[in-house]
């Protein structure tokens, strides 16, 4: 693969590329190398993407000279670097974060993207603005097909190829995020003063058991553990000790087993010193990070002391670390904070004060648990381990697939008990579940819909906020039905074409998933599997009478506790009560002959009824179903984690895998 220099290399002029590190390669060899992780230069192991490379041109002189291409004799690099249109064209790529032909100019001109939100198929008819769709009269049944587009210009093969190439590059980057996020750096921060003496043995035993269990039960995770022991500033030297990150469980167990407790002089302890040491640990690049803090006393300082106990440093940490600065240290390292209390009456004010700072920083609150209960300790850690990995993957991959502005939850004012409700006139498009799976599988899939006008009584403030959308409570003004409207935070970005295209992608995905679910319920009954009532919500698209027009997803409000069964990046909830839903994801891949896999299974799961929402569909066609579709990469991630159970065996699909 590595290119040698010499007069014969002139024949390869324009067919080779130079990595940023200066190593040259045949382009087709490097493309093949970068199709699978790890994504780095084969020579020096530096991170590498094909877009980072530059085309090379060779001189036929017997003594060629170098112009700007590392240290390879006879190589001349052209192009202006990453993002240069001419460069990307030469590489057979294009930077299509916002293809110019994808943004409609006004609602009045019609929306040809109804047929194919998010660029649905290789035909890609009429994606330019100005095309018209057959929307029919209000209330009429409309079948929207790509062929229904009139007066629109199709994209040519070069544009389609460039979009697919760009999307594949994006998926490779998401896979790199997944691989790195499955590196878990786990830190135990433990108070080892004499007040903990009666609990420390149980804590040490629990910690070592947890680490062994996590390594055994999560083979896809690359787990390293560290331990920070702290006492008090009054304690005899050393007041702290640290075990750096290690995979050696025997070394970890020996370190924890050798820990001894020391006396302090007052009740508060050197919590701030422990947090400072945690922030200085050598976390791996891109890893998921979790801090498990176990203690029975607050830091020094009156602001943390809720019991009026003696404190030799009532003005605060003697080394000057404030609550704000301490939480900033953890936030900068993207560390999820869990706190196991021994005597909560002494630490409640500390947790509350830390949470105030975490909220200001846009970070999730501290997860509390009773460290004296071994079961609660292990359950909390296991549950939050997978949640931390999933959150890390979602946040970092969102930055790759989101082309608009990501707004922090702290920048959004949330509703209170006295939130005002106002009337909004909307155009509502109601979509129907396809009659057969055969309608769902083609790239030209588009569900039937009715168009109607409606008035919604909607809250002026959201009750929930995700990475991309805000959720508002509302009521059908006539029928008094509780509904939820989900609106993109960034109406102009997110994907090419803006929020309207994103809403259509969500609706089409949910309609397709609903059909898979109904067929799965029938098949399960045929083989004698007793399932609760099993369905997906089929949402509608609302178009608000605003300027510019805003769009959202409208669906019934679901009562109950939400659970997440799996994700689109490989997370699988291993609770046996959700085994049949894991089997559903597997079955969708089998019944579609490997072209589709429904995942990101979430909703309200009861004993008699299962109501699901917001699915993701991995599809072999990378441009279908939007940015959450990770195509073959996503399918592979699911099967790496999925373990077939009784339902898969009854369906006779246990041996049917990629």
Foldseek 3Di string as FASTA:
>chain_A
DFDADFLVCQVCQLQKKAAPQQTIDRLVVLVVVLLDDPQADPPPRHHTASLQIFGWHFDNDRQAAEDPRHPHGRIYTDDDGHQGQVRQVSSLAHDPQAPPQQAADAPVLAQLCLQPQLQQDQFQWFRGYNWHACQDDFFDKDDTFNVRIDPGHGDDNSVSSNVLVLLSSLLSVLLNLLLQALAEEEEEEEEQAPVCVVPLVVLLVLVLVLLVVCCVQCVSHNYWYKYKYAYAPQWDPPRIDIDATDPPSVVVSVVSVPDHHTHDDWQAGQVLVSLVVVLPGDDDPSYQAEYEYEDAAHHAACQFAPPPTDGPRNHGDPVPQDLLNSLVSCVVVNYAAEYAYAHCSRGVSVQVSNQVNCLVVLHDGYHYDHSSDSVRVSVVVVVVVLVSSVVSSVVVSLVSQWWFDFDRPSVFDADDPPFAWAKFKKKKKFFAQDPALVLLQDSSRRTMIGIHIFIKGWTPGFHDDDRFWGKIWIARPPPRAIKIKIFGPWQAIGGHHGDVSVQSLQQSLQSSVQNLFVVLVVLCVVLPHDDAAEGEWRWIKIWTPDVVITIITMTGDADADKDWQAALQQRGDPDPVCQVVLLSQLVVCVVSVNFKGKHRWMDHDDPRHTYTGRIAIAGCSSSHSGDSRSHPNSLVSNVVRDQHDPSCVSSVCNPPHD
